[in-house]
Amino acid sequence: MPTAEYKFAQYHNQAAIGTLHRNLVAMWDAIRTETGGRVETVVHAENNGMPGGDPAALKMILSGEIAFFTLMGGAVGSVAPVAEVQQVPFAFRTASDAHKAIDGPLGRYIADEMAAKGLHLFPYGGFDNGMRQLTTLDKPVASPADIAGMRVRVPPGQVISDTFKAFGAVPVTTPANAIYRALQERTVDAQENPLGVVEAFKLDELVKYISLTSHVWSGFNLMAHRPTWDRLPGDVQAAIDRNVTKFVRQQRLDQAERNAGLRLRFAQQGIVFNEVDQAAFRGRLAGLYATWKEKLGSKCWSLLETEVGKLG
């Protein structure tokens, strides 16, 4: 192939063994082939090892130092606050429910708000992580009383932090690739993530209990530095768009399969699973829903409730 006209970097915060990395690599390989070698993109797992993690990578895409990045809505919220709507607790019953919402009018509204901040959100760019479950070192969690005072690692994003404060826990933020050390050194007592993340970062070597809270959906928004995106020729944009849609669909299937299969594997390893009565946890969130309805705005909240029903 000829020398690439467009050379880019793609960052993400997941491990290289995960479905996100595998599909991003395949996606950019397909784009390179489809464009006859004009586009060449290097995919960097775990944000290329940057100590600053997601916040540092977010600054890089805003400045144009990197062209493409995937990030949870909660963390995007530091730039475009409405993106935090993706992490409203117990809004989405399943990952499929979340996909429907972010592929529709709610996702377009988030994209418009992000565009005003210099970020291009792809129309079907919502890669999946899955429903977040609570994994603990010393005891299972079945009710809010069990989590009182517990130090829980959470990702960047205010709504998830507020959620665990409402449950009575103490949220602690670290980069994804620092969770293992935080658990190992017991600077946290627990962490919350889909099962695929537990596997990818080898957290199953440490945790003893997994409480199936499904408290928040987790995904990865694929975005581009908007000025860089706008400068690309139409045919290159079209090739990227087509392959984003194709590989997002594939990764969602891959991640669902991985998360489902891991419950059996982890149980065979001796990790204890327990079901959770979500009603007891939701009962702690009336104030949070009222606060975040105001923060996100009536239009955003209405678009969310159109998809998921009344909250609060």
C-alpha atoms as a PDB file:
ATOM      1  CA  MET A   1       0.000   0.000   0.000  1.00  0.00           C
ATOM      2  CA  PRO A   2       1.162   3.602  -0.571  1.00  0.00           C
ATOM      3  CA  THR A   3       2.277   5.826   2.269  1.00  0.00           C
ATOM      4  CA  ALA A   4      -0.692   6.975   4.318  1.00  0.00           C
ATOM      5  CA  GLU A   5      -2.008  10.505   3.773  1.00  0.00           C
ATOM      6  CA  TYR A   6      -3.627  10.527   7.217  1.00  0.00           C
ATOM      7  CA  LYS A   7      -1.872   9.099  10.259  1.00  0.00           C
ATOM      8  CA  PHE A   8      -3.778   9.038  13.530  1.00  0.00           C
ATOM      9  CA  ALA A   9      -3.675   7.720  17.102  1.00  0.00           C
ATOM     10  CA  GLN A  10      -6.664   6.006  18.746  1.00  0.00           C
ATOM     11  CA  TYR A  11      -6.637   5.804  22.542  1.00  0.00           C
ATOM     12  CA  HIS A  12      -8.842   3.745  24.872  1.00  0.00           C
ATOM     13  CA  ASN A  13      -8.614   2.736  28.530  1.00  0.00           C
ATOM     14  CA  GLN A  14      -9.182  -1.006  28.308  1.00  0.00           C
ATOM     15  CA  ALA A  15      -6.698  -3.892  28.317  1.00  0.00           C
ATOM     16  CA  ALA A  16      -5.345  -5.208  25.032  1.00  0.00           C
ATOM     17  CA  ILE A  17      -7.027  -8.599  25.595  1.00  0.00           C
ATOM     18  CA  GLY A  18     -10.489  -7.024  25.675  1.00  0.00           C
ATOM     19  CA  THR A  19     -13.160  -6.945  22.996  1.00  0.00           C
ATOM     20  CA  LEU A  20     -12.849  -3.179  22.610  1.00  0.00           C
ATOM     21  CA  HIS A  21      -9.184  -3.286  21.654  1.00  0.00           C
ATOM     22  CA  ARG A  22      -9.628  -6.244  19.329  1.00  0.00           C
ATOM     23  CA  ASN A  23     -12.501  -4.611  17.453  1.00  0.00           C
ATOM     24  CA  LEU A  24     -10.846  -1.189  17.272  1.00  0.00           C
ATOM     25  CA  VAL A  25      -7.749  -2.777  15.731  1.00  0.00           C
ATOM     26  CA  ALA A  26      -9.906  -4.709  13.243  1.00  0.00           C
ATOM     27  CA  MET A  27     -11.926  -1.571  12.467  1.00  0.00           C
ATOM     28  CA  TRP A  28      -8.896   0.570  11.663  1.00  0.00           C
ATOM     29  CA  ASP A  29      -7.358  -2.263   9.641  1.00  0.00           C
ATOM     30  CA  ALA A  30     -10.556  -2.413   7.579  1.00  0.00           C
ATOM     31  CA  ILE A  31     -10.524   1.371   7.122  1.00  0.00           C
ATOM     32  CA  ARG A  32      -6.905   1.271   5.964  1.00  0.00           C
ATOM     33  CA  THR A  33      -7.797  -1.402   3.396  1.00  0.00           C
ATOM     34  CA  GLU A  34     -10.984   0.317   2.240  1.00  0.00           C
ATOM     35  CA  THR A  35      -9.204   3.648   1.745  1.00  0.00           C
ATOM     36  CA  GLY A  36      -6.359   2.045  -0.186  1.00  0.00           C
ATOM     37  CA  GLY A  37      -3.889   2.794   2.585  1.00  0.00           C
ATOM     38  CA  ARG A  38      -4.717   6.502   2.834  1.00  0.00           C
ATOM     39  CA  VAL A  39      -5.694   6.221   6.530  1.00  0.00           C
ATOM     40  CA  GLU A  40      -3.398   4.600   9.076  1.00  0.00           C
ATOM     41  CA  THR A  41      -4.327   4.580  12.757  1.00  0.00           C
ATOM     42  CA  VAL A  42      -2.396   3.097  15.677  1.00  0.00           C
ATOM     43  CA  VAL A  43      -4.589   1.834  18.530  1.00  0.00           C
ATOM     44  CA  HIS A  44      -3.197   2.325  22.044  1.00  0.00           C
ATOM     45  CA  ALA A  45      -4.647   0.168  24.835  1.00  0.00           C
ATOM     46  CA  GLU A  46      -4.761   1.510  28.418  1.00  0.00           C
ATOM     47  CA  ASN A  47      -4.333   5.051  27.064  1.00  0.00           C
ATOM     48  CA  ASN A  48      -0.761   4.226  26.069  1.00  0.00           C
ATOM     49  CA  GLY A  49       0.187   3.877  29.733  1.00  0.00           C
ATOM     50  CA  MET A  50      -0.368   7.536  30.599  1.00  0.00           C
ATOM     51  CA  PRO A  51      -0.358   8.052  34.388  1.00  0.00           C
ATOM     52  CA  GLY A  52      -3.125  10.633  34.068  1.00  0.00           C
ATOM     53  CA  GLY A  53      -5.512   8.107  32.541  1.00  0.00           C
ATOM     54  CA  ASP A  54      -8.765   9.220  30.936  1.00  0.00           C
ATOM     55  CA  PRO A  55      -8.675  12.892  32.010  1.00  0.00           C
ATOM     56  CA  ALA A  56      -5.216  13.290  30.431  1.00  0.00           C
ATOM     57  CA  ALA A  57      -6.297  11.555  27.223  1.00  0.00           C
ATOM     58  CA  LEU A  58      -9.435  13.701  27.089  1.00  0.00           C
ATOM     59  CA  LYS A  59      -7.272  16.827  27.182  1.00  0.00           C
ATOM     60  CA  MET A  60      -5.203  15.373  24.325  1.00  0.00           C
ATOM     61  CA  ILE A  61      -8.186  14.851  22.053  1.00  0.00           C
ATOM     62  CA  LEU A  62      -9.559  18.304  22.857  1.00  0.00           C
ATOM     63  CA  SER A  63      -6.220  19.810  21.807  1.00  0.00           C
ATOM     64  CA  GLY A  64      -5.913  17.593  18.719  1.00  0.00           C
ATOM     65  CA  GLU A  65      -2.835  15.788  20.005  1.00  0.00           C
ATOM     66  CA  ILE A  66      -4.723  12.559  19.402  1.00  0.00           C
ATOM     67  CA  ALA A  67      -7.498  12.197  16.836  1.00  0.00           C
ATOM     68  CA  PHE A  68      -9.692   9.399  18.230  1.00  0.00           C
ATOM     69  CA  PHE A  69     -10.639   8.298  21.736  1.00  0.00           C
ATOM     70  CA  THR A  70     -13.273   6.125  23.426  1.00  0.00           C
ATOM     71  CA  LEU A  71     -14.645   7.165  26.803  1.00  0.00           C
ATOM     72  CA  MET A  72     -17.582   6.592  29.158  1.00  0.00           C
ATOM     73  CA  GLY A  73     -20.274   9.233  29.145  1.00  0.00           C
ATOM     74  CA  GLY A  74     -19.624   9.997  32.805  1.00  0.00           C
ATOM     75  CA  ALA A  75     -16.079  11.065  32.023  1.00  0.00           C
ATOM     76  CA  VAL A  76     -17.106  12.952  28.870  1.00  0.00           C
ATOM     77  CA  GLY A  77     -19.398  14.877  31.205  1.00  0.00           C
ATOM     78  CA  SER A  78     -16.482  16.995  32.399  1.00  0.00           C
ATOM     79  CA  VAL A  79     -16.595  18.618  28.937  1.00  0.00           C
ATOM     80  CA  ALA A  80     -20.203  18.078  27.815  1.00  0.00           C
ATOM     81  CA  PRO A  81     -22.301  17.644  30.998  1.00  0.00           C
ATOM     82  CA  VAL A  82     -25.273  15.967  29.283  1.00  0.00           C
ATOM     83  CA  ALA A  83     -23.103  12.935  28.470  1.00  0.00           C
ATOM     84  CA  GLU A  84     -23.414  11.957  32.143  1.00  0.00           C
ATOM     85  CA  VAL A  85     -26.970  10.842  31.339  1.00  0.00           C
ATOM     86  CA  GLN A  86     -25.514   7.542  30.108  1.00  0.00           C
ATOM     87  CA  GLN A  87     -24.586   6.681  33.705  1.00  0.00           C
ATOM     88  CA  VAL A  88     -27.832   7.562  35.490  1.00  0.00           C
ATOM     89  CA  PRO A  89     -28.274   4.637  37.924  1.00  0.00           C
ATOM     90  CA  PHE A  90     -30.890   1.991  37.141  1.00  0.00           C
ATOM     91  CA  ALA A  91     -32.025   3.915  34.063  1.00  0.00           C
ATOM     92  CA  PHE A  92     -31.207   1.058  31.684  1.00  0.00           C
ATOM     93  CA  ARG A  93     -32.342  -2.443  32.557  1.00  0.00           C
ATOM     94  CA  THR A  94     -30.026  -4.083  30.048  1.00  0.00           C
ATOM     95  CA  ALA A  95     -27.165  -3.157  27.756  1.00  0.00           C
ATOM     96  CA  SER A  96     -29.526  -3.524  24.788  1.00  0.00           C
ATOM     97  CA  ASP A  97     -31.819  -0.891  26.303  1.00  0.00           C
ATOM     98  CA  ALA A  98     -28.855   1.476  26.563  1.00  0.00           C
ATOM     99  CA  HIS A  99     -27.789   0.800  22.973  1.00  0.00           C
ATOM    100  CA  LYS A 100     -31.281   1.680  21.730  1.00  0.00           C
ATOM    101  CA  ALA A 101     -31.200   4.974  23.619  1.00  0.00           C
ATOM    102  CA  ILE A 102     -27.741   6.106  22.555  1.00  0.00           C
ATOM    103  CA  ASP A 103     -28.377   5.105  18.931  1.00  0.00           C
ATOM    104  CA  GLY A 104     -31.492   7.286  18.896  1.00  0.00           C
ATOM    105  CA  PRO A 105     -32.576  10.854  19.725  1.00  0.00           C
ATOM    106  CA  LEU A 106     -30.875  10.872  23.130  1.00  0.00           C
ATOM    107  CA  GLY A 107     -27.559   9.990  21.508  1.00  0.00           C
ATOM    108  CA  ARG A 108     -28.011  12.682  18.867  1.00  0.00           C
ATOM    109  CA  TYR A 109     -28.672  15.262  21.559  1.00  0.00           C
ATOM    110  CA  ILE A 110     -25.454  14.254  23.349  1.00  0.00           C
ATOM    111  CA  ALA A 111     -23.593  14.458  20.016  1.00  0.00           C
ATOM    112  CA  ASP A 112     -24.840  17.993  19.382  1.00  0.00           C
ATOM    113  CA  GLU A 113     -23.671  19.113  22.809  1.00  0.00           C
ATOM    114  CA  MET A 114     -20.279  17.469  22.317  1.00  0.00           C
ATOM    115  CA  ALA A 115     -19.869  19.061  18.885  1.00  0.00           C
ATOM    116  CA  ALA A 116     -20.142  22.484  20.480  1.00  0.00           C
ATOM    117  CA  LYS A 117     -17.156  21.532  22.652  1.00  0.00           C
ATOM    118  CA  GLY A 118     -14.978  20.402  19.747  1.00  0.00           C
ATOM    119  CA  LEU A 119     -15.716  16.662  19.847  1.00  0.00           C
ATOM    120  CA  HIS A 120     -17.307  14.641  17.046  1.00  0.00           C
ATOM    121  CA  LEU A 121     -19.386  11.758  18.430  1.00  0.00           C
ATOM    122  CA  PHE A 122     -20.033   9.058  15.849  1.00  0.00           C
ATOM    123  CA  PRO A 123     -23.752   8.414  15.209  1.00  0.00           C
ATOM    124  CA  TYR A 124     -23.394   4.700  15.986  1.00  0.00           C
ATOM    125  CA  GLY A 125     -20.193   4.933  17.998  1.00  0.00           C
ATOM    126  CA  GLY A 126     -21.340   3.443  21.303  1.00  0.00           C
ATOM    127  CA  PHE A 127     -19.138   0.452  22.011  1.00  0.00           C
ATOM    128  CA  ASP A 128     -20.329  -1.723  24.894  1.00  0.00           C
ATOM    129  CA  ASN A 129     -18.870  -2.560  28.271  1.00  0.00           C
ATOM    130  CA  GLY A 130     -21.997  -4.012  29.861  1.00  0.00           C
ATOM    131  CA  MET A 131     -23.890  -3.671  33.117  1.00  0.00           C
ATOM    132  CA  ARG A 132     -21.712  -2.764  36.074  1.00  0.00           C
ATOM    133  CA  GLN A 133     -21.592  -5.192  39.024  1.00  0.00           C
ATOM    134  CA  LEU A 134     -20.089  -4.685  42.470  1.00  0.00           C
ATOM    135  CA  THR A 135     -17.078  -6.866  43.280  1.00  0.00           C
ATOM    136  CA  THR A 136     -15.750  -6.966  46.838  1.00  0.00           C
ATOM    137  CA  LEU A 137     -12.805  -8.324  48.765  1.00  0.00           C
ATOM    138  CA  ASP A 138     -14.331  -9.346  52.082  1.00  0.00           C
ATOM    139  CA  LYS A 139     -18.115  -9.600  52.050  1.00  0.00           C
ATOM    140  CA  PRO A 140     -21.093  -9.734  49.682  1.00  0.00           C
ATOM    141  CA  VAL A 141     -23.369  -6.734  49.261  1.00  0.00           C
ATOM    142  CA  ALA A 142     -27.097  -7.426  49.251  1.00  0.00           C
ATOM    143  CA  SER A 143     -28.453  -4.120  50.590  1.00  0.00           C
ATOM    144  CA  PRO A 144     -27.311  -0.527  51.092  1.00  0.00           C
ATOM    145  CA  ALA A 145     -26.501  -1.338  54.731  1.00  0.00           C
ATOM    146  CA  ASP A 146     -23.783  -3.729  53.509  1.00  0.00           C
ATOM    147  CA  ILE A 147     -22.021  -0.981  51.581  1.00  0.00           C
ATOM    148  CA  ALA A 148     -22.061   1.694  54.306  1.00  0.00           C
ATOM    149  CA  GLY A 149     -18.573   3.145  54.711  1.00  0.00           C
ATOM    150  CA  MET A 150     -17.093   0.846  52.067  1.00  0.00           C
ATOM    151  CA  ARG A 151     -14.392   2.386  49.871  1.00  0.00           C
ATOM    152  CA  VAL A 152     -15.451   1.644  46.302  1.00  0.00           C
ATOM    153  CA  ARG A 153     -13.334   2.402  43.268  1.00  0.00           C
ATOM    154  CA  VAL A 154     -15.373   4.256  40.656  1.00  0.00           C
ATOM    155  CA  PRO A 155     -14.423   5.707  37.246  1.00  0.00           C
ATOM    156  CA  PRO A 156     -14.222   9.434  36.548  1.00  0.00           C
ATOM    157  CA  GLY A 157     -17.696  10.962  36.362  1.00  0.00           C
ATOM    158  CA  GLN A 158     -19.805  12.749  38.942  1.00  0.00           C
ATOM    159  CA  VAL A 159     -23.036  10.782  38.636  1.00  0.00           C
ATOM    160  CA  ILE A 160     -21.454   7.434  39.563  1.00  0.00           C
ATOM    161  CA  SER A 161     -19.636   9.069  42.463  1.00  0.00           C
ATOM    162  CA  ASP A 162     -22.920  10.624  43.619  1.00  0.00           C
ATOM    163  CA  THR A 163     -24.641   7.247  43.281  1.00  0.00           C
ATOM    164  CA  PHE A 164     -22.269   5.495  45.644  1.00  0.00           C
ATOM    165  CA  LYS A 165     -22.406   8.367  48.111  1.00  0.00           C
ATOM    166  CA  ALA A 166     -26.192   7.943  48.102  1.00  0.00           C
ATOM    167  CA  PHE A 167     -25.699   4.250  48.871  1.00  0.00           C
ATOM    168  CA  GLY A 168     -23.530   5.205  51.852  1.00  0.00           C
ATOM    169  CA  ALA A 169     -20.193   4.192  50.342  1.00  0.00           C
ATOM    170  CA  VAL A 170     -17.007   6.210  49.920  1.00  0.00           C
ATOM    171  CA  PRO A 171     -16.202   6.542  46.175  1.00  0.00           C
ATOM    172  CA  VAL A 172     -12.525   6.524  45.178  1.00  0.00           C
ATOM    173  CA  THR A 173     -11.492   7.367  41.596  1.00  0.00           C
ATOM    174  CA  THR A 174      -8.531   5.671  39.891  1.00  0.00           C
ATOM    175  CA  PRO A 175      -7.571   4.925  36.267  1.00  0.00           C
ATOM    176  CA  ALA A 176      -8.799   1.543  35.054  1.00  0.00           C
ATOM    177  CA  ASN A 177      -5.320   0.033  34.985  1.00  0.00           C
ATOM    178  CA  ALA A 178      -4.762   1.053  38.628  1.00  0.00           C
ATOM    179  CA  ILE A 179      -7.745  -0.897  40.025  1.00  0.00           C
ATOM    180  CA  TYR A 180      -5.746  -4.099  40.609  1.00  0.00           C
ATOM    181  CA  ARG A 181      -3.160  -2.303  42.715  1.00  0.00           C
ATOM    182  CA  ALA A 182      -5.815  -0.412  44.673  1.00  0.00           C
ATOM    183  CA  LEU A 183      -7.526  -3.700  45.589  1.00  0.00           C
ATOM    184  CA  GLN A 184      -4.239  -5.475  46.257  1.00  0.00           C
ATOM    185  CA  GLU A 185      -3.039  -2.727  48.587  1.00  0.00           C
ATOM    186  CA  ARG A 186      -6.528  -2.379  50.086  1.00  0.00           C
ATOM    187  CA  THR A 187      -6.791   1.319  49.445  1.00  0.00           C
ATOM    188  CA  VAL A 188     -10.273   0.289  48.263  1.00  0.00           C
ATOM    189  CA  ASP A 189     -12.548  -2.488  49.508  1.00  0.00           C
ATOM    190  CA  ALA A 190     -14.447  -2.970  46.280  1.00  0.00           C
ATOM    191  CA  GLN A 191     -14.783  -1.908  42.677  1.00  0.00           C
ATOM    192  CA  GLU A 192     -17.682  -1.879  40.209  1.00  0.00           C
ATOM    193  CA  ASN A 193     -17.399  -2.893  36.577  1.00  0.00           C
ATOM    194  CA  PRO A 194     -18.830  -5.346  34.053  1.00  0.00           C
ATOM    195  CA  LEU A 195     -17.454  -8.863  34.355  1.00  0.00           C
ATOM    196  CA  GLY A 196     -15.364  -8.460  31.199  1.00  0.00           C
ATOM    197  CA  VAL A 197     -13.325  -5.765  32.925  1.00  0.00           C
ATOM    198  CA  VAL A 198     -12.845  -7.995  35.971  1.00  0.00           C
ATOM    199  CA  GLU A 199     -11.300 -10.559  33.629  1.00  0.00           C
ATOM    200  CA  ALA A 200      -9.296  -8.144  31.493  1.00  0.00           C
ATOM    201  CA  PHE A 201      -7.529  -6.559  34.469  1.00  0.00           C
ATOM    202  CA  LYS A 202      -7.261  -9.887  36.369  1.00  0.00           C
ATOM    203  CA  LEU A 203      -9.320  -8.613  39.280  1.00  0.00           C
ATOM    204  CA  ASP A 204     -10.692 -12.147  39.736  1.00  0.00           C
ATOM    205  CA  GLU A 205      -7.326 -12.966  41.325  1.00  0.00           C
ATOM    206  CA  LEU A 206      -8.289 -10.709  44.246  1.00  0.00           C
ATOM    207  CA  VAL A 207     -12.040 -10.337  44.685  1.00  0.00           C
ATOM    208  CA  LYS A 208     -14.084 -12.978  46.509  1.00  0.00           C
ATOM    209  CA  TYR A 209     -17.649 -11.746  45.973  1.00  0.00           C
ATOM    210  CA  ILE A 210     -19.633 -10.387  43.034  1.00  0.00           C
ATOM    211  CA  SER A 211     -22.969  -8.768  43.784  1.00  0.00           C
ATOM    212  CA  LEU A 212     -25.142  -8.536  40.667  1.00  0.00           C
ATOM    213  CA  THR A 213     -26.321  -4.975  41.152  1.00  0.00           C
ATOM    214  CA  SER A 214     -26.487  -3.967  37.458  1.00  0.00           C
ATOM    215  CA  HIS A 215     -26.630  -0.440  38.844  1.00  0.00           C
ATOM    216  CA  VAL A 216     -25.303   1.393  35.766  1.00  0.00           C
ATOM    217  CA  TRP A 217     -24.763   0.631  32.098  1.00  0.00           C
ATOM    218  CA  SER A 218     -21.220   1.189  30.893  1.00  0.00           C
ATOM    219  CA  GLY A 219     -20.068   1.901  27.361  1.00  0.00           C
ATOM    220  CA  PHE A 220     -17.371   3.616  25.358  1.00  0.00           C
ATOM    221  CA  ASN A 221     -18.249   6.596  23.160  1.00  0.00           C
ATOM    222  CA  LEU A 222     -16.070   6.735  20.055  1.00  0.00           C
ATOM    223  CA  MET A 223     -15.242  10.347  19.337  1.00  0.00           C
ATOM    224  CA  ALA A 224     -12.889  12.341  17.151  1.00  0.00           C
ATOM    225  CA  HIS A 225     -11.189  15.707  17.498  1.00  0.00           C
ATOM    226  CA  ARG A 226     -13.801  17.678  15.578  1.00  0.00           C
ATOM    227  CA  PRO A 227     -11.495  20.004  13.576  1.00  0.00           C
ATOM    228  CA  THR A 228      -9.483  16.951  12.456  1.00  0.00           C
ATOM    229  CA  TRP A 229     -12.670  15.121  11.473  1.00  0.00           C
ATOM    230  CA  ASP A 230     -14.056  18.112   9.589  1.00  0.00           C
ATOM    231  CA  ARG A 231     -10.876  18.376   7.499  1.00  0.00           C
ATOM    232  CA  LEU A 232     -11.151  14.805   6.187  1.00  0.00           C
ATOM    233  CA  PRO A 233     -12.509  14.303   2.645  1.00  0.00           C
ATOM    234  CA  GLY A 234     -16.074  13.047   2.393  1.00  0.00           C
ATOM    235  CA  ASP A 235     -15.101   9.636   1.037  1.00  0.00           C
ATOM    236  CA  VAL A 236     -12.706   9.054   3.942  1.00  0.00           C
ATOM    237  CA  GLN A 237     -15.351  10.116   6.455  1.00  0.00           C
ATOM    238  CA  ALA A 238     -17.822   7.738   4.815  1.00  0.00           C
ATOM    239  CA  ALA A 239     -15.389   4.814   5.012  1.00  0.00           C
ATOM    240  CA  ILE A 240     -14.756   5.492   8.685  1.00  0.00           C
ATOM    241  CA  ASP A 241     -18.478   5.866   9.447  1.00  0.00           C
ATOM    242  CA  ARG A 242     -19.345   2.576   7.721  1.00  0.00           C
ATOM    243  CA  ASN A 243     -16.722   0.644   9.617  1.00  0.00           C
ATOM    244  CA  VAL A 244     -17.504   2.272  12.955  1.00  0.00           C
ATOM    245  CA  THR A 245     -21.110   1.090  12.622  1.00  0.00           C
ATOM    246  CA  LYS A 246     -20.024  -2.410  11.574  1.00  0.00           C
ATOM    247  CA  PHE A 247     -17.492  -2.960  14.333  1.00  0.00           C
ATOM    248  CA  VAL A 248     -19.579  -1.364  17.086  1.00  0.00           C
ATOM    249  CA  ARG A 249     -22.283  -3.928  16.300  1.00  0.00           C
ATOM    250  CA  GLN A 250     -19.754  -6.747  16.395  1.00  0.00           C
ATOM    251  CA  GLN A 251     -18.114  -5.583  19.616  1.00  0.00           C
ATOM    252  CA  ARG A 252     -21.478  -5.334  21.370  1.00  0.00           C
ATOM    253  CA  LEU A 253     -22.123  -8.978  20.541  1.00  0.00           C
ATOM    254  CA  ASP A 254     -18.618  -9.994  21.593  1.00  0.00           C
ATOM    255  CA  GLN A 255     -18.863  -8.173  24.923  1.00  0.00           C
ATOM    256  CA  ALA A 256     -22.303  -9.586  25.751  1.00  0.00           C
ATOM    257  CA  GLU A 257     -21.001 -13.087  25.095  1.00  0.00           C
ATOM    258  CA  ARG A 258     -17.913 -12.491  27.226  1.00  0.00           C
ATOM    259  CA  ASN A 259     -19.821 -11.027  30.171  1.00  0.00           C
ATOM    260  CA  ALA A 260     -22.346 -13.888  30.101  1.00  0.00           C
ATOM    261  CA  GLY A 261     -19.696 -16.605  29.990  1.00  0.00           C
ATOM    262  CA  LEU A 262     -17.629 -15.172  32.800  1.00  0.00           C
ATOM    263  CA  ARG A 263     -20.225 -15.739  35.505  1.00  0.00           C
ATOM    264  CA  LEU A 264     -19.818 -19.502  35.127  1.00  0.00           C
ATOM    265  CA  ARG A 265     -16.040 -19.303  34.924  1.00  0.00           C
ATOM    266  CA  PHE A 266     -15.675 -17.073  37.961  1.00  0.00           C
ATOM    267  CA  ALA A 267     -18.070 -19.275  39.966  1.00  0.00           C
ATOM    268  CA  GLN A 268     -15.940 -22.295  39.088  1.00  0.00           C
ATOM    269  CA  GLN A 269     -12.931 -20.382  40.445  1.00  0.00           C
ATOM    270  CA  GLY A 270     -14.721 -20.021  43.778  1.00  0.00           C
ATOM    271  CA  ILE A 271     -15.985 -16.451  43.506  1.00  0.00           C
ATOM    272  CA  VAL A 272     -19.377 -16.192  45.214  1.00  0.00           C
ATOM    273  CA  PHE A 273     -22.220 -14.508  43.303  1.00  0.00           C
ATOM    274  CA  ASN A 274     -25.343 -13.058  44.859  1.00  0.00           C
ATOM    275  CA  GLU A 275     -28.468 -11.453  43.441  1.00  0.00           C
ATOM    276  CA  VAL A 276     -29.454  -8.000  44.677  1.00  0.00           C
ATOM    277  CA  ASP A 277     -32.850  -6.440  45.297  1.00  0.00           C
ATOM    278  CA  GLN A 278     -32.466  -3.268  43.254  1.00  0.00           C
ATOM    279  CA  ALA A 279     -35.507  -1.677  44.921  1.00  0.00           C
ATOM    280  CA  ALA A 280     -33.591  -1.154  48.183  1.00  0.00           C
ATOM    281  CA  PHE A 281     -30.852   0.696  46.312  1.00  0.00           C
ATOM    282  CA  ARG A 282     -33.230   2.686  44.128  1.00  0.00           C
ATOM    283  CA  GLY A 283     -34.981   3.801  47.281  1.00  0.00           C
ATOM    284  CA  ARG A 284     -31.866   5.793  48.165  1.00  0.00           C
ATOM    285  CA  LEU A 285     -31.853   7.734  44.895  1.00  0.00           C
ATOM    286  CA  ALA A 286     -34.854  10.093  44.946  1.00  0.00           C
ATOM    287  CA  GLY A 287     -32.624  13.039  45.776  1.00  0.00           C
ATOM    288  CA  LEU A 288     -30.056  12.032  43.167  1.00  0.00           C
ATOM    289  CA  TYR A 289     -32.683  11.814  40.428  1.00  0.00           C
ATOM    290  CA  ALA A 290     -34.029  15.258  41.342  1.00  0.00           C
ATOM    291  CA  THR A 291     -30.545  16.761  41.370  1.00  0.00           C
ATOM    292  CA  TRP A 292     -29.480  15.220  38.080  1.00  0.00           C
ATOM    293  CA  LYS A 293     -32.735  16.078  36.328  1.00  0.00           C
ATOM    294  CA  GLU A 294     -31.882  19.694  37.083  1.00  0.00           C
ATOM    295  CA  LYS A 295     -28.192  19.333  36.151  1.00  0.00           C
ATOM    296  CA  LEU A 296     -28.847  17.569  32.845  1.00  0.00           C
ATOM    297  CA  GLY A 297     -31.771  19.781  31.905  1.00  0.00           C
ATOM    298  CA  SER A 298     -35.405  19.050  31.140  1.00  0.00           C
ATOM    299  CA  LYS A 299     -34.784  18.227  27.464  1.00  0.00           C
ATOM    300  CA  CYS A 300     -32.119  15.653  28.225  1.00  0.00           C
ATOM    301  CA  TRP A 301     -34.135  14.100  31.052  1.00  0.00           C
ATOM    302  CA  SER A 302     -37.240  13.945  28.882  1.00  0.00           C
ATOM    303  CA  LEU A 303     -35.324  12.159  26.124  1.00  0.00           C
ATOM    304  CA  LEU A 304     -34.045   9.673  28.713  1.00  0.00           C
ATOM    305  CA  GLU A 305     -37.474   9.007  30.215  1.00  0.00           C
ATOM    306  CA  THR A 306     -38.936   8.584  26.728  1.00  0.00           C
ATOM    307  CA  GLU A 307     -36.617   5.613  26.379  1.00  0.00           C
ATOM    308  CA  VAL A 308     -36.700   4.115  29.883  1.00  0.00           C
ATOM    309  CA  GLY A 309     -39.867   5.333  31.607  1.00  0.00           C
ATOM    310  CA  LYS A 310     -40.306   7.550  34.641  1.00  0.00           C
ATOM    311  CA  LEU A 311     -37.362   7.836  37.024  1.00  0.00           C
ATOM    312  CA  GLY A 312     -37.505   8.965  40.636  1.00  0.00           C
END
